[in-house]
Amino acid sequence: SDDELRGARRWLNDFNPKSIPESICEVTYSRSSGPGGQNVNKVNSKATLRIALDRLLPLVPPLLRAPLLQDPHVAKKSNDIVIQSDESRKQSENTQSCHAKLFHLVADLGREHIPAETPESKKKRIENLAKEANESRLKEKRYHSSKKASRRG
């Protein structure tokens, strides 16, 4: 519906990294492969963020719920979104990276599935094109009619 679409657009405009509270996310740490040399064998620097869909879905508009359920980041058995990061040697940076990935995942889904509003200039242009096409069709019809009428004598 139009109200639902307007609400989703408003939500997408207001959506920011702080819109998803960190308290509903569960972060665990493990040893990673990646940069760090021997450090990765000793320190749990890889961050894994899990967020249950039943906690996330109330925060997003209804238009995004179905695409979110179909996303490849969703673990089908547990119905959680699982995001991992081992880009840095530090736990805190990897945790921030996981939260940023979650934000970008939801924001990209929003941009993909919530259509933008058509600007007034484009609406007017489309109306003018339709009006011109109709006038040209009527002109062609009148011409064709007069051609046939002249044959009747």
Protein backbone atom coordinates (compact mmCIF):
# COMPACT_ATOMS: atom_id res chain seq x y z
CA SER A 1 0.00 0.00 0.00
CA ASP A 2 1.01 3.64 -0.37
CA ASP A 3 1.20 4.22 3.39
CA GLU A 4 3.42 1.18 3.82
CA LEU A 5 5.66 2.35 0.99
CA ARG A 6 5.89 5.89 2.39
CA GLY A 7 6.74 4.50 5.83
CA ALA A 8 9.43 2.24 4.36
CA ARG A 9 10.99 5.17 2.47
CA ARG A 10 10.98 7.28 5.64
CA TRP A 11 12.55 4.40 7.58
CA LEU A 12 15.26 4.00 4.93
CA ASN A 13 16.08 7.73 5.04
CA ASP A 14 16.36 7.63 8.85
CA PHE A 15 18.24 4.32 8.98
CA ASN A 16 21.78 4.63 10.34
CA PRO A 17 24.36 2.31 11.96
CA LYS A 18 22.90 3.00 15.43
CA SER A 19 19.40 1.92 14.32
CA ILE A 20 20.21 -1.71 15.11
CA PRO A 21 20.98 -1.88 18.84
CA GLU A 22 24.11 -3.82 19.72
CA SER A 23 22.28 -5.38 22.68
CA ILE A 24 20.22 -7.66 20.40
CA CYS A 25 23.36 -8.99 18.71
CA GLU A 26 25.46 -11.82 20.08
CA VAL A 27 29.17 -11.56 19.34
CA THR A 28 31.59 -14.44 19.82
CA TYR A 29 35.32 -14.56 19.22
CA SER A 30 37.56 -17.29 17.88
CA ARG A 31 40.99 -17.79 16.38
CA SER A 32 41.20 -16.62 12.82
CA SER A 33 43.17 -17.05 9.69
CA GLY A 34 44.13 -13.71 8.21
CA PRO A 35 46.63 -11.01 9.03
CA GLY A 36 48.60 -11.28 12.24
CA GLY A 37 51.26 -13.98 11.81
CA GLN A 38 51.66 -16.15 14.92
CA ASN A 39 49.28 -13.81 16.75
CA VAL A 40 46.28 -15.45 15.03
CA ASN A 41 47.26 -18.81 16.54
CA LYS A 42 47.24 -17.41 20.09
CA VAL A 43 44.54 -14.73 20.27
CA ASN A 44 40.81 -14.92 19.61
CA SER A 45 40.53 -11.98 17.22
CA LYS A 46 37.93 -13.21 14.72
CA ALA A 47 34.47 -11.80 15.51
CA THR A 48 31.26 -13.64 14.66
CA LEU A 49 28.04 -11.67 15.01
CA ARG A 50 24.74 -13.53 15.32
CA ILE A 51 21.40 -11.83 15.39
CA ALA A 52 18.13 -13.72 15.63
CA LEU A 53 15.70 -12.76 12.87
CA ASP A 54 12.81 -12.56 15.34
CA ARG A 55 14.72 -9.72 17.07
CA LEU A 56 15.67 -7.93 13.85
CA LEU A 57 12.41 -8.22 11.88
CA PRO A 58 10.40 -5.90 14.18
CA LEU A 59 12.98 -3.17 13.51
CA VAL A 60 12.59 -3.24 9.70
CA PRO A 61 9.56 -2.31 7.58
CA PRO A 62 7.28 -5.12 6.35
CA LEU A 63 8.52 -4.66 2.76
CA LEU A 64 12.00 -5.84 3.81
CA ARG A 65 11.02 -8.87 5.86
CA ALA A 66 10.69 -11.36 2.98
CA PRO A 67 13.96 -10.32 1.26
CA LEU A 68 15.74 -10.51 4.62
CA LEU A 69 14.53 -14.07 5.13
CA GLN A 70 15.88 -15.03 1.68
CA ASP A 71 19.33 -13.48 2.24
CA PRO A 72 22.30 -15.87 2.04
CA HIS A 73 23.63 -14.62 5.41
CA VAL A 74 20.64 -16.23 7.15
CA ALA A 75 21.43 -19.60 8.69
CA LYS A 76 18.43 -21.72 7.67
CA LYS A 77 18.44 -24.04 10.69
CA SER A 78 18.76 -21.46 13.45
CA ASN A 79 17.07 -18.56 11.59
CA ASP A 80 19.92 -16.23 12.58
CA ILE A 81 21.95 -13.82 10.51
CA VAL A 82 25.61 -14.76 10.84
CA ILE A 83 28.34 -12.28 9.91
CA GLN A 84 32.06 -12.85 10.44
CA SER A 85 35.07 -10.59 10.30
CA ASP A 86 38.76 -11.36 10.67
CA GLU A 87 40.08 -8.40 8.70
CA SER A 88 41.99 -6.91 11.61
CA ARG A 89 44.26 -8.14 14.39
CA LYS A 90 42.05 -6.49 17.00
CA GLN A 91 38.80 -7.87 18.43
CA SER A 92 37.21 -4.44 18.73
CA GLU A 93 37.87 -3.53 15.09
CA ASN A 94 36.48 -6.87 13.91
CA THR A 95 33.39 -6.36 16.07
CA GLN A 96 32.86 -2.91 14.56
CA SER A 97 33.36 -4.41 11.11
CA CYS A 98 30.64 -7.00 11.80
CA HIS A 99 28.19 -4.29 12.89
CA ALA A 100 29.07 -2.23 9.79
CA LYS A 101 28.50 -5.28 7.56
CA LEU A 102 25.11 -5.85 9.18
CA PHE A 103 24.16 -2.20 8.62
CA HIS A 104 25.24 -2.33 4.97
CA LEU A 105 23.40 -5.62 4.44
CA VAL A 106 20.10 -4.16 5.67
CA ALA A 107 20.65 -0.80 3.95
CA ASP A 108 21.47 -2.45 0.60
CA LEU A 109 18.38 -4.66 0.85
CA GLY A 110 16.36 -1.53 1.58
CA ARG A 111 17.72 0.33 -1.44
CA GLU A 112 17.12 -2.72 -3.62
CA HIS A 113 13.56 -3.54 -2.52
CA ILE A 114 12.08 -0.15 -1.57
CA PRO A 115 11.47 1.83 -4.76
CA ALA A 116 12.44 5.48 -4.69
CA GLU A 117 9.78 8.13 -5.16
CA THR A 118 9.39 9.44 -8.70
CA PRO A 119 10.33 13.14 -8.92
CA GLU A 120 7.66 15.63 -10.07
CA SER A 121 9.69 16.60 -13.15
CA LYS A 122 9.74 12.99 -14.33
CA LYS A 123 5.99 12.60 -13.67
CA LYS A 124 5.24 15.72 -15.74
CA ARG A 125 7.54 14.53 -18.54
CA ILE A 126 5.74 11.18 -18.68
CA GLU A 127 2.34 12.93 -18.73
CA ASN A 128 3.49 15.21 -21.59
CA LEU A 129 4.83 12.26 -23.57
CA ALA A 130 1.54 10.39 -23.13
CA LYS A 131 -0.44 13.50 -24.17
CA GLU A 132 1.75 14.00 -27.26
CA ALA A 133 1.42 10.34 -28.22
CA ASN A 134 -2.37 10.54 -27.93
CA GLU A 135 -2.52 13.75 -30.01
CA SER A 136 -0.30 12.19 -32.69
CA ARG A 137 -2.51 9.08 -32.74
CA LEU A 138 -5.66 11.19 -33.16
CA LYS A 139 -4.03 13.29 -35.89
CA GLU A 140 -3.03 10.11 -37.77
CA LYS A 141 -6.56 8.78 -37.35
CA ARG A 142 -8.12 11.99 -38.74
CA TYR A 143 -5.72 11.94 -41.69
CA HIS A 144 -6.55 8.32 -42.46
CA SER A 145 -10.28 9.07 -42.17
CA SER A 146 -10.07 12.05 -44.54
CA LYS A 147 -8.07 9.98 -47.05
CA LYS A 148 -10.78 7.31 -47.10
CA ALA A 149 -13.56 9.95 -47.26
CA SER A 150 -11.96 11.52 -50.35
CA ARG A 151 -12.08 8.15 -52.12
CA ARG A 152 -15.83 7.88 -51.68
CA GLY A 153 -16.41 10.81 -53.97
